[in-house]
């Protein structure tokens, strides 16, 4: 019988002091169906999003509906990330910006770029309102990369009042980028 396999990574219950687990053997049985209680009260931003089309298993006499997926309610609404910039938007977003701007020059095939993306996004959250953060894909906007002499990626440049002020080449620690940002606040 072919079945649908859904996976989710859940940490061990012993790691959560507030977790209350009821073993299946001790769980209540109602209507021939076992139910167990798991209470993770410290995770208030999680909810179960129902599947759009429930899966039905015909091998049983009764139809079984599969739940859904666990999603974070706040993830998209509160996350500040570096926005994309292109040749067309370069002037309005970078050159004419009232705030200092950090631009990461990257490409999708670049391994070190993937390592620095989370660092850039963390800094975007920490310096929101004080600094603007953008990412320029050098494969899609080669003229800007060429204009600023980008020879290696990732390269992070800081602009203030439309002028290039600093450049950091390579995947560097968060502290290195934070130090560069602090110079221009």
N, C-alpha and C. Protein backbone atom coordinates (compact mmCIF):
# COMPACT_ATOMS: atom_id res chain seq x y z
N UNK A 1 0.85 -1.18 0.00
CA UNK A 1 0.00 0.00 0.00
C UNK A 1 0.89 1.24 0.00
N UNK A 2 0.62 2.10 -0.88
CA UNK A 2 1.37 3.36 -0.94
C UNK A 2 0.71 4.35 0.01
N UNK A 3 1.52 5.05 0.72
CA UNK A 3 0.99 6.03 1.67
C UNK A 3 1.69 7.36 1.52
N UNK A 4 1.18 8.32 2.17
CA UNK A 4 1.76 9.66 2.16
C UNK A 4 2.59 9.82 3.42
N UNK A 5 3.81 10.23 3.25
CA UNK A 5 4.70 10.42 4.39
C UNK A 5 4.89 11.90 4.63
N UNK A 6 4.52 12.36 5.79
CA UNK A 6 4.72 13.76 6.16
C UNK A 6 5.73 13.78 7.30
N UNK A 7 6.69 14.67 7.20
CA UNK A 7 7.71 14.73 8.23
C UNK A 7 7.72 16.10 8.88
N UNK A 8 8.11 16.11 10.11
CA UNK A 8 8.31 17.36 10.85
C UNK A 8 9.38 17.10 11.89
N UNK A 9 10.28 18.01 12.05
CA UNK A 9 11.34 17.87 13.04
C UNK A 9 10.83 18.44 14.36
N UNK A 10 10.76 17.59 15.35
CA UNK A 10 10.30 18.02 16.67
C UNK A 10 11.37 17.66 17.68
N UNK A 11 11.83 18.62 18.48
CA UNK A 11 12.82 18.31 19.50
C UNK A 11 12.27 17.34 20.53
N UNK A 12 13.17 16.66 21.22
CA UNK A 12 12.75 15.74 22.26
C UNK A 12 11.94 16.46 23.32
N UNK A 13 10.93 15.80 23.84
CA UNK A 13 10.07 16.39 24.85
C UNK A 13 10.84 16.69 26.13
N UNK A 14 11.89 15.92 26.40
CA UNK A 14 12.66 16.14 27.63
C UNK A 14 13.35 17.50 27.63
N UNK A 15 13.48 18.10 26.47
CA UNK A 15 14.13 19.41 26.38
C UNK A 15 13.20 20.53 26.83
N UNK A 16 11.91 20.25 26.97
CA UNK A 16 10.94 21.26 27.35
C UNK A 16 10.40 20.96 28.75
N UNK A 17 10.72 21.81 29.68
CA UNK A 17 10.27 21.57 31.05
C UNK A 17 8.77 21.74 31.19
N UNK A 18 8.15 22.55 30.33
CA UNK A 18 6.72 22.81 30.46
C UNK A 18 5.87 21.83 29.63
N UNK A 19 6.51 20.89 28.96
CA UNK A 19 5.76 19.96 28.12
C UNK A 19 5.07 18.92 28.98
N UNK A 20 3.82 18.64 28.63
CA UNK A 20 3.06 17.61 29.33
C UNK A 20 2.68 16.56 28.30
N UNK A 21 3.28 15.38 28.44
CA UNK A 21 3.02 14.31 27.49
C UNK A 21 2.23 13.21 28.17
N UNK A 22 1.24 12.71 27.47
CA UNK A 22 0.46 11.58 27.97
C UNK A 22 0.75 10.41 27.06
N UNK A 23 1.36 9.34 27.58
CA UNK A 23 1.66 8.19 26.73
C UNK A 23 0.39 7.61 26.13
N UNK A 24 0.51 6.99 24.97
CA UNK A 24 -0.65 6.43 24.29
C UNK A 24 -1.32 5.37 25.14
N UNK A 25 -0.54 4.57 25.84
CA UNK A 25 -1.12 3.50 26.68
C UNK A 25 -1.99 4.09 27.78
N UNK A 26 -1.65 5.29 28.28
CA UNK A 26 -2.42 5.91 29.35
C UNK A 26 -3.45 6.92 28.83
N UNK A 27 -3.52 7.09 27.54
CA UNK A 27 -4.41 8.11 27.00
C UNK A 27 -5.85 7.63 27.03
N UNK A 28 -6.73 8.59 26.94
CA UNK A 28 -8.14 8.23 26.98
C UNK A 28 -8.54 7.63 25.64
N UNK A 29 -9.43 6.69 25.69
CA UNK A 29 -9.93 6.06 24.47
C UNK A 29 -11.40 6.38 24.38
N UNK A 30 -11.77 7.06 23.30
CA UNK A 30 -13.17 7.42 23.11
C UNK A 30 -13.59 7.00 21.71
N UNK A 31 -14.61 6.20 21.67
CA UNK A 31 -15.11 5.75 20.37
C UNK A 31 -14.11 4.90 19.61
N UNK A 32 -13.27 4.14 20.32
CA UNK A 32 -12.30 3.29 19.67
C UNK A 32 -11.10 4.06 19.13
N UNK A 33 -11.02 5.33 19.45
CA UNK A 33 -9.93 6.16 18.94
C UNK A 33 -9.06 6.64 20.08
N UNK A 34 -7.77 6.49 19.95
CA UNK A 34 -6.85 6.93 20.99
C UNK A 34 -6.53 8.40 20.80
N UNK A 35 -6.41 9.11 21.89
CA UNK A 35 -5.98 10.51 21.79
C UNK A 35 -4.94 10.76 22.86
N UNK A 36 -3.96 11.55 22.54
CA UNK A 36 -2.94 11.90 23.51
C UNK A 36 -2.82 13.41 23.55
N UNK A 37 -2.41 13.93 24.69
CA UNK A 37 -2.30 15.37 24.85
C UNK A 37 -0.85 15.79 24.89
N UNK A 38 -0.52 16.77 24.12
CA UNK A 38 0.80 17.37 24.15
C UNK A 38 0.58 18.86 24.31
N UNK A 39 1.18 19.45 25.32
CA UNK A 39 0.97 20.87 25.57
C UNK A 39 2.31 21.58 25.57
N UNK A 40 2.59 22.34 24.54
CA UNK A 40 3.80 23.14 24.45
C UNK A 40 3.40 24.59 24.61
N UNK A 41 3.14 25.01 25.82
CA UNK A 41 2.60 26.35 26.06
C UNK A 41 3.59 27.46 25.72
N UNK A 42 4.89 27.16 25.71
CA UNK A 42 5.85 28.22 25.44
C UNK A 42 5.90 28.61 23.96
N UNK A 43 5.28 27.84 23.08
CA UNK A 43 5.27 28.14 21.66
C UNK A 43 3.92 28.75 21.28
N UNK A 44 3.72 30.01 21.59
CA UNK A 44 2.43 30.63 21.37
C UNK A 44 2.22 31.09 19.93
N UNK A 45 3.26 31.20 19.11
CA UNK A 45 3.11 31.69 17.75
C UNK A 45 2.88 30.60 16.73
N UNK A 46 2.72 29.34 17.16
CA UNK A 46 2.53 28.24 16.22
C UNK A 46 1.06 27.89 16.09
N UNK A 47 0.66 27.51 14.90
CA UNK A 47 -0.70 27.04 14.69
C UNK A 47 -0.67 25.93 13.65
N UNK A 48 -1.71 25.13 13.61
CA UNK A 48 -1.83 24.07 12.60
C UNK A 48 -2.65 24.63 11.46
N UNK A 49 -2.07 24.62 10.27
CA UNK A 49 -2.77 25.09 9.08
C UNK A 49 -3.31 23.86 8.37
N UNK A 50 -4.64 23.77 8.23
CA UNK A 50 -5.22 22.57 7.61
C UNK A 50 -4.82 22.44 6.16
N UNK A 51 -4.73 21.18 5.71
CA UNK A 51 -4.45 20.92 4.30
C UNK A 51 -5.63 21.38 3.47
N UNK A 52 -5.37 21.80 2.25
CA UNK A 52 -6.45 22.24 1.37
C UNK A 52 -7.28 21.06 0.89
N UNK A 53 -6.63 19.95 0.61
CA UNK A 53 -7.36 18.77 0.17
C UNK A 53 -6.95 17.61 1.07
N UNK A 54 -7.82 17.23 1.99
CA UNK A 54 -7.47 16.14 2.91
C UNK A 54 -7.22 14.84 2.16
N UNK A 55 -6.30 14.05 2.69
CA UNK A 55 -5.96 12.76 2.09
C UNK A 55 -6.89 11.71 2.66
N UNK A 56 -7.39 10.89 1.84
CA UNK A 56 -8.31 9.85 2.27
C UNK A 56 -7.68 8.49 1.96
N UNK A 57 -7.65 7.60 2.94
CA UNK A 57 -7.10 6.27 2.76
C UNK A 57 -8.24 5.29 2.56
N UNK A 58 -8.26 4.62 1.41
CA UNK A 58 -9.37 3.71 1.09
C UNK A 58 -9.13 2.30 1.60
N UNK A 59 -7.94 2.01 2.15
CA UNK A 59 -7.67 0.66 2.63
C UNK A 59 -8.43 0.36 3.91
N UNK A 60 -8.92 1.37 4.58
CA UNK A 60 -9.73 1.17 5.79
C UNK A 60 -11.20 1.33 5.43
N UNK A 61 -12.03 0.83 6.29
CA UNK A 61 -13.46 0.97 6.03
C UNK A 61 -13.93 2.40 6.25
N UNK A 62 -13.16 3.15 7.04
CA UNK A 62 -13.53 4.54 7.31
C UNK A 62 -12.52 5.48 6.64
N UNK A 63 -12.93 6.65 6.37
CA UNK A 63 -12.06 7.65 5.74
C UNK A 63 -11.29 8.38 6.84
N UNK A 64 -9.97 8.51 6.63
CA UNK A 64 -9.12 9.18 7.62
C UNK A 64 -8.64 10.50 7.02
N UNK A 65 -8.88 11.58 7.69
CA UNK A 65 -8.43 12.88 7.21
C UNK A 65 -7.12 13.23 7.89
N UNK A 66 -6.15 13.66 7.10
CA UNK A 66 -4.85 14.05 7.62
C UNK A 66 -4.93 15.50 8.06
N UNK A 67 -4.22 15.84 9.13
CA UNK A 67 -4.25 17.17 9.72
C UNK A 67 -3.79 18.28 8.81
N UNK A 68 -2.61 18.73 8.97
CA UNK A 68 -2.11 19.84 8.19
C UNK A 68 -0.64 20.02 8.47
N UNK A 69 -0.22 21.26 8.46
CA UNK A 69 1.18 21.54 8.75
C UNK A 69 1.25 22.61 9.82
N UNK A 70 2.33 22.57 10.57
CA UNK A 70 2.52 23.55 11.63
C UNK A 70 3.26 24.74 11.04
N UNK A 71 2.70 25.92 11.25
CA UNK A 71 3.29 27.15 10.72
C UNK A 71 3.44 28.17 11.83
N UNK A 72 4.34 29.08 11.63
CA UNK A 72 4.55 30.17 12.58
C UNK A 72 3.73 31.35 12.11
N UNK A 73 2.79 31.82 12.94
CA UNK A 73 1.92 32.92 12.57
C UNK A 73 2.69 34.22 12.36
N UNK A 74 3.72 34.44 13.13
CA UNK A 74 4.41 35.72 13.11
C UNK A 74 5.58 35.77 12.14
N UNK A 75 5.95 34.66 11.55
CA UNK A 75 7.16 34.61 10.75
C UNK A 75 7.19 35.62 9.62
N UNK A 76 6.15 35.66 8.81
CA UNK A 76 6.18 36.56 7.67
C UNK A 76 5.90 38.00 8.04
N UNK A 77 5.08 38.24 9.03
CA UNK A 77 4.69 39.61 9.34
C UNK A 77 5.75 40.37 10.12
N UNK A 78 6.62 39.69 10.85
CA UNK A 78 7.59 40.40 11.66
C UNK A 78 9.01 40.30 11.16
N UNK A 79 9.24 39.48 10.16
CA UNK A 79 10.59 39.29 9.67
C UNK A 79 10.99 40.44 8.75
N UNK A 80 12.13 41.06 9.05
CA UNK A 80 12.69 42.09 8.20
C UNK A 80 13.86 41.46 7.48
N UNK A 81 13.83 41.50 6.16
CA UNK A 81 14.92 40.92 5.38
C UNK A 81 15.41 41.94 4.36
N UNK A 82 16.56 41.65 3.83
CA UNK A 82 17.13 42.50 2.79
C UNK A 82 16.33 42.31 1.51
N UNK A 83 15.87 43.40 0.93
CA UNK A 83 15.08 43.35 -0.29
C UNK A 83 15.99 43.27 -1.51
N UNK A 84 15.42 42.84 -2.62
CA UNK A 84 16.19 42.75 -3.85
C UNK A 84 16.28 44.13 -4.52
N UNK A 85 17.41 44.38 -5.14
CA UNK A 85 17.61 45.59 -5.92
C UNK A 85 18.13 45.16 -7.29
N UNK A 86 17.73 45.88 -8.33
CA UNK A 86 18.13 45.55 -9.70
C UNK A 86 18.71 46.80 -10.37
N UNK A 87 19.13 46.62 -11.61
CA UNK A 87 19.61 47.77 -12.39
C UNK A 87 18.58 48.88 -12.45
N UNK A 88 17.31 48.51 -12.61
CA UNK A 88 16.23 49.49 -12.75
C UNK A 88 15.94 50.23 -11.45
N UNK A 89 16.09 49.56 -10.32
CA UNK A 89 15.74 50.18 -9.03
C UNK A 89 16.96 50.72 -8.28
N UNK A 90 18.15 50.54 -8.82
CA UNK A 90 19.38 50.93 -8.13
C UNK A 90 19.38 52.40 -7.72
N UNK A 91 19.08 53.27 -8.64
CA UNK A 91 19.16 54.70 -8.37
C UNK A 91 18.18 55.12 -7.28
N UNK A 92 16.94 54.69 -7.38
CA UNK A 92 15.93 55.12 -6.40
C UNK A 92 16.14 54.50 -5.02
N UNK A 93 16.58 53.25 -4.97
CA UNK A 93 16.73 52.58 -3.68
C UNK A 93 18.08 52.81 -3.00
N UNK A 94 19.14 52.94 -3.77
CA UNK A 94 20.48 53.04 -3.20
C UNK A 94 21.01 54.47 -3.26
N UNK A 95 21.08 55.02 -4.43
CA UNK A 95 21.70 56.34 -4.62
C UNK A 95 20.87 57.45 -3.95
N UNK A 96 19.55 57.39 -4.07
CA UNK A 96 18.69 58.45 -3.52
C UNK A 96 18.19 58.16 -2.11
N UNK A 97 18.68 57.13 -1.46
CA UNK A 97 18.23 56.77 -0.12
C UNK A 97 18.64 57.81 0.92
N UNK A 98 17.71 58.12 1.82
CA UNK A 98 18.00 59.05 2.91
C UNK A 98 18.80 58.37 4.02
N UNK A 99 18.64 57.06 4.15
CA UNK A 99 19.36 56.28 5.16
C UNK A 99 20.64 55.71 4.55
N UNK A 100 21.62 55.38 5.39
CA UNK A 100 22.77 54.61 4.88
C UNK A 100 22.26 53.25 4.38
N UNK A 101 22.95 52.69 3.39
CA UNK A 101 22.48 51.46 2.75
C UNK A 101 23.59 50.43 2.73
N UNK A 102 23.25 49.19 3.06
CA UNK A 102 24.16 48.06 2.92
C UNK A 102 23.64 47.22 1.75
N UNK A 103 24.51 46.95 0.79
CA UNK A 103 24.13 46.13 -0.37
C UNK A 103 25.03 44.90 -0.40
N UNK A 104 24.39 43.74 -0.47
CA UNK A 104 25.13 42.49 -0.62
C UNK A 104 25.08 42.09 -2.09
N UNK A 105 26.23 41.96 -2.72
CA UNK A 105 26.34 41.47 -4.08
C UNK A 105 26.50 39.96 -4.00
N UNK A 106 25.62 39.21 -4.64
CA UNK A 106 25.59 37.76 -4.50
C UNK A 106 25.14 37.10 -5.80
N UNK A 107 25.17 35.77 -5.81
CA UNK A 107 24.63 34.97 -6.92
C UNK A 107 24.07 33.67 -6.33
N UNK A 108 23.05 33.11 -6.96
CA UNK A 108 22.41 31.91 -6.41
C UNK A 108 23.32 30.69 -6.31
N UNK A 109 24.35 30.60 -7.14
CA UNK A 109 25.24 29.44 -7.14
C UNK A 109 26.38 29.58 -6.14
N UNK A 110 26.47 30.70 -5.45
CA UNK A 110 27.59 31.01 -4.56
C UNK A 110 27.36 30.45 -3.15
N UNK A 111 28.17 29.48 -2.75
CA UNK A 111 28.05 28.88 -1.42
C UNK A 111 28.27 29.86 -0.28
N UNK A 112 29.37 30.65 -0.29
CA UNK A 112 29.58 31.63 0.79
C UNK A 112 28.47 32.68 0.86
N UNK A 113 27.81 32.96 -0.27
CA UNK A 113 26.68 33.90 -0.25
C UNK A 113 25.54 33.34 0.59
N UNK A 114 25.32 32.05 0.47
CA UNK A 114 24.26 31.40 1.26
C UNK A 114 24.59 31.43 2.74
N UNK A 115 25.88 31.44 3.07
CA UNK A 115 26.29 31.50 4.47
C UNK A 115 26.06 32.90 5.06
N UNK A 116 26.19 33.93 4.24
CA UNK A 116 26.11 35.29 4.75
C UNK A 116 24.67 35.85 4.71
N UNK A 117 23.78 35.24 3.92
CA UNK A 117 22.38 35.70 3.86
C UNK A 117 21.73 35.81 5.24
N UNK A 118 21.81 34.78 6.08
CA UNK A 118 21.16 34.89 7.40
C UNK A 118 21.76 36.01 8.25
N UNK A 119 23.05 36.26 8.11
CA UNK A 119 23.70 37.33 8.87
C UNK A 119 23.17 38.68 8.42
N UNK A 120 23.05 38.87 7.12
CA UNK A 120 22.52 40.11 6.57
C UNK A 120 21.08 40.32 7.06
N UNK A 121 20.28 39.26 7.07
CA UNK A 121 18.89 39.38 7.52
C UNK A 121 18.81 39.69 9.01
N UNK A 122 19.70 39.12 9.82
CA UNK A 122 19.74 39.45 11.25
C UNK A 122 20.08 40.92 11.45
N UNK A 123 21.06 41.41 10.71
CA UNK A 123 21.45 42.82 10.81
C UNK A 123 20.31 43.73 10.34
N UNK A 124 19.57 43.29 9.32
CA UNK A 124 18.43 44.08 8.83
C UNK A 124 17.39 44.23 9.93
N UNK A 125 17.20 43.21 10.75
CA UNK A 125 16.26 43.29 11.87
C UNK A 125 16.80 44.21 12.96
N UNK A 126 18.08 44.07 13.27
CA UNK A 126 18.68 44.86 14.35
C UNK A 126 18.76 46.35 14.03
N UNK A 127 19.02 46.68 12.77
CA UNK A 127 19.21 48.08 12.39
C UNK A 127 18.03 48.63 11.59
N UNK A 128 16.87 48.02 11.72
CA UNK A 128 15.68 48.48 11.00
C UNK A 128 15.38 49.93 11.38
N UNK A 129 15.16 50.76 10.39
CA UNK A 129 14.87 52.17 10.62
C UNK A 129 16.11 53.05 10.66
N UNK A 130 17.28 52.45 10.86
CA UNK A 130 18.54 53.20 10.90
C UNK A 130 19.37 52.99 9.65
N UNK A 131 19.16 51.84 9.02
CA UNK A 131 19.95 51.42 7.86
C UNK A 131 19.01 50.70 6.91
N UNK A 132 19.25 50.78 5.62
CA UNK A 132 18.50 50.00 4.64
C UNK A 132 19.39 48.85 4.16
N UNK A 133 18.78 47.70 3.87
CA UNK A 133 19.53 46.52 3.47
C UNK A 133 18.96 45.98 2.16
N UNK A 134 19.85 45.72 1.20
CA UNK A 134 19.45 45.22 -0.10
C UNK A 134 20.41 44.14 -0.57
N UNK A 135 19.92 43.31 -1.49
CA UNK A 135 20.73 42.27 -2.11
C UNK A 135 20.64 42.42 -3.62
N UNK A 136 21.78 42.40 -4.29
CA UNK A 136 21.83 42.52 -5.74
C UNK A 136 22.38 41.22 -6.31
N UNK A 137 21.58 40.55 -7.12
CA UNK A 137 22.00 39.32 -7.79
C UNK A 137 22.87 39.72 -8.98
N UNK A 138 24.15 39.39 -8.91
CA UNK A 138 25.10 39.81 -9.94
C UNK A 138 24.85 39.14 -11.29
N UNK A 139 24.17 37.99 -11.30
CA UNK A 139 23.82 37.33 -12.56
C UNK A 139 22.70 38.08 -13.28
N UNK A 140 21.79 38.66 -12.50
CA UNK A 140 20.66 39.38 -13.09
C UNK A 140 20.96 40.85 -13.35
N UNK A 141 21.90 41.43 -12.64
CA UNK A 141 22.25 42.85 -12.79
C UNK A 141 23.76 43.02 -12.93
N UNK A 142 24.33 42.51 -14.01
CA UNK A 142 25.79 42.56 -14.15
C UNK A 142 26.35 43.97 -14.35
N UNK A 143 25.55 44.90 -14.87
CA UNK A 143 26.09 46.24 -15.13
C UNK A 143 26.42 46.98 -13.83
N UNK A 144 25.60 46.85 -12.82
CA UNK A 144 25.88 47.50 -11.54
C UNK A 144 27.10 46.86 -10.90
N UNK A 145 27.17 45.52 -10.94
CA UNK A 145 28.33 44.82 -10.38
C UNK A 145 29.61 45.24 -11.09
N UNK A 146 29.53 45.40 -12.38
CA UNK A 146 30.70 45.83 -13.16
C UNK A 146 31.07 47.28 -12.85
N UNK A 147 30.07 48.13 -12.71
CA UNK A 147 30.31 49.54 -12.40
C UNK A 147 31.06 49.73 -11.08
N UNK A 148 30.77 48.88 -10.10
CA UNK A 148 31.42 48.99 -8.79
C UNK A 148 32.59 48.05 -8.63
N UNK A 149 33.03 47.41 -9.72
CA UNK A 149 34.23 46.59 -9.70
C UNK A 149 34.12 45.33 -8.87
N UNK A 150 32.96 44.71 -8.85
CA UNK A 150 32.77 43.47 -8.09
C UNK A 150 33.49 42.34 -8.82
N UNK A 151 34.51 41.79 -8.20
CA UNK A 151 35.29 40.70 -8.78
C UNK A 151 35.11 39.40 -8.00
N UNK A 152 34.60 39.52 -6.79
CA UNK A 152 34.42 38.35 -5.93
C UNK A 152 33.11 38.53 -5.16
N UNK A 153 32.39 37.43 -5.01
CA UNK A 153 31.16 37.49 -4.21
C UNK A 153 31.23 36.46 -3.11
N UNK A 154 30.62 36.70 -1.99
CA UNK A 154 29.83 37.87 -1.66
C UNK A 154 30.71 39.10 -1.40
N UNK A 155 30.23 40.23 -1.84
CA UNK A 155 30.83 41.52 -1.49
C UNK A 155 29.73 42.36 -0.89
N UNK A 156 30.01 42.96 0.24
CA UNK A 156 29.05 43.83 0.91
C UNK A 156 29.58 45.25 0.82
N UNK A 157 28.76 46.15 0.31
CA UNK A 157 29.15 47.56 0.21
C UNK A 157 28.19 48.42 1.02
N UNK A 158 28.74 49.47 1.61
CA UNK A 158 27.93 50.42 2.36
C UNK A 158 27.96 51.74 1.62
N UNK A 159 26.77 52.28 1.41
CA UNK A 159 26.60 53.56 0.72
C UNK A 159 25.97 54.55 1.68
N UNK A 160 26.43 55.79 1.61
CA UNK A 160 25.82 56.86 2.39
C UNK A 160 25.76 58.09 1.50
N UNK A 161 24.57 58.70 1.43
CA UNK A 161 24.35 59.85 0.55
C UNK A 161 24.71 59.54 -0.89
N UNK A 162 24.45 58.31 -1.32
CA UNK A 162 24.70 57.92 -2.70
C UNK A 162 26.13 57.56 -3.03
N UNK A 163 27.03 57.64 -2.07
CA UNK A 163 28.43 57.35 -2.33
C UNK A 163 28.86 56.07 -1.63
N UNK A 164 29.71 55.31 -2.32
CA UNK A 164 30.28 54.10 -1.73
C UNK A 164 31.24 54.52 -0.62
N UNK A 165 31.03 53.99 0.58
CA UNK A 165 31.86 54.34 1.73
C UNK A 165 32.75 53.21 2.21
N UNK A 166 32.29 51.96 2.07
CA UNK A 166 33.05 50.83 2.61
C UNK A 166 32.69 49.58 1.82
N UNK A 167 33.60 48.62 1.81
CA UNK A 167 33.36 47.33 1.15
C UNK A 167 34.00 46.22 1.98
N UNK A 168 33.28 45.12 2.11
CA UNK A 168 33.78 43.94 2.81
C UNK A 168 33.61 42.77 1.84
N UNK A 169 34.69 42.05 1.58
CA UNK A 169 34.66 40.97 0.60
C UNK A 169 34.72 39.63 1.32
N UNK A 170 33.85 38.72 0.90
CA UNK A 170 33.84 37.36 1.45
C UNK A 170 32.82 37.18 2.55
N UNK A 171 32.64 35.92 2.93
CA UNK A 171 31.74 35.58 4.02
C UNK A 171 32.46 35.85 5.33
N UNK A 172 32.06 36.91 5.99
CA UNK A 172 32.72 37.36 7.21
C UNK A 172 31.76 37.21 8.39
N UNK A 173 32.28 37.24 9.61
CA UNK A 173 31.41 37.13 10.78
C UNK A 173 30.50 38.35 10.92
N UNK A 174 29.43 38.16 11.65
CA UNK A 174 28.46 39.22 11.89
C UNK A 174 29.12 40.44 12.54
N UNK A 175 30.06 40.21 13.44
CA UNK A 175 30.72 41.32 14.14
C UNK A 175 31.47 42.24 13.17
N UNK A 176 32.05 41.66 12.14
CA UNK A 176 32.77 42.46 11.14
C UNK A 176 31.82 43.40 10.41
N UNK A 177 30.67 42.87 10.00
CA UNK A 177 29.69 43.71 9.30
C UNK A 177 29.07 44.74 10.25
N UNK A 178 28.81 44.34 11.49
CA UNK A 178 28.23 45.28 12.46
C UNK A 178 29.19 46.44 12.72
N UNK A 179 30.47 46.15 12.79
CA UNK A 179 31.48 47.21 12.98
C UNK A 179 31.46 48.19 11.81
N UNK A 180 31.36 47.67 10.60
CA UNK A 180 31.30 48.54 9.43
C UNK A 180 30.03 49.39 9.43
N UNK A 181 28.91 48.81 9.84
CA UNK A 181 27.65 49.54 9.90
C UNK A 181 27.72 50.67 10.93
N UNK A 182 28.26 50.35 12.10
CA UNK A 182 28.32 51.32 13.20
C UNK A 182 29.11 52.58 12.82
N UNK A 183 30.07 52.45 11.93
CA UNK A 183 30.89 53.61 11.51
C UNK A 183 30.04 54.66 10.79
N UNK A 184 28.91 54.24 10.22
CA UNK A 184 28.13 55.16 9.37
C UNK A 184 26.76 55.50 9.94
N UNK A 185 26.55 55.23 11.20
CA UNK A 185 25.29 55.62 11.83
C UNK A 185 25.31 57.04 12.32
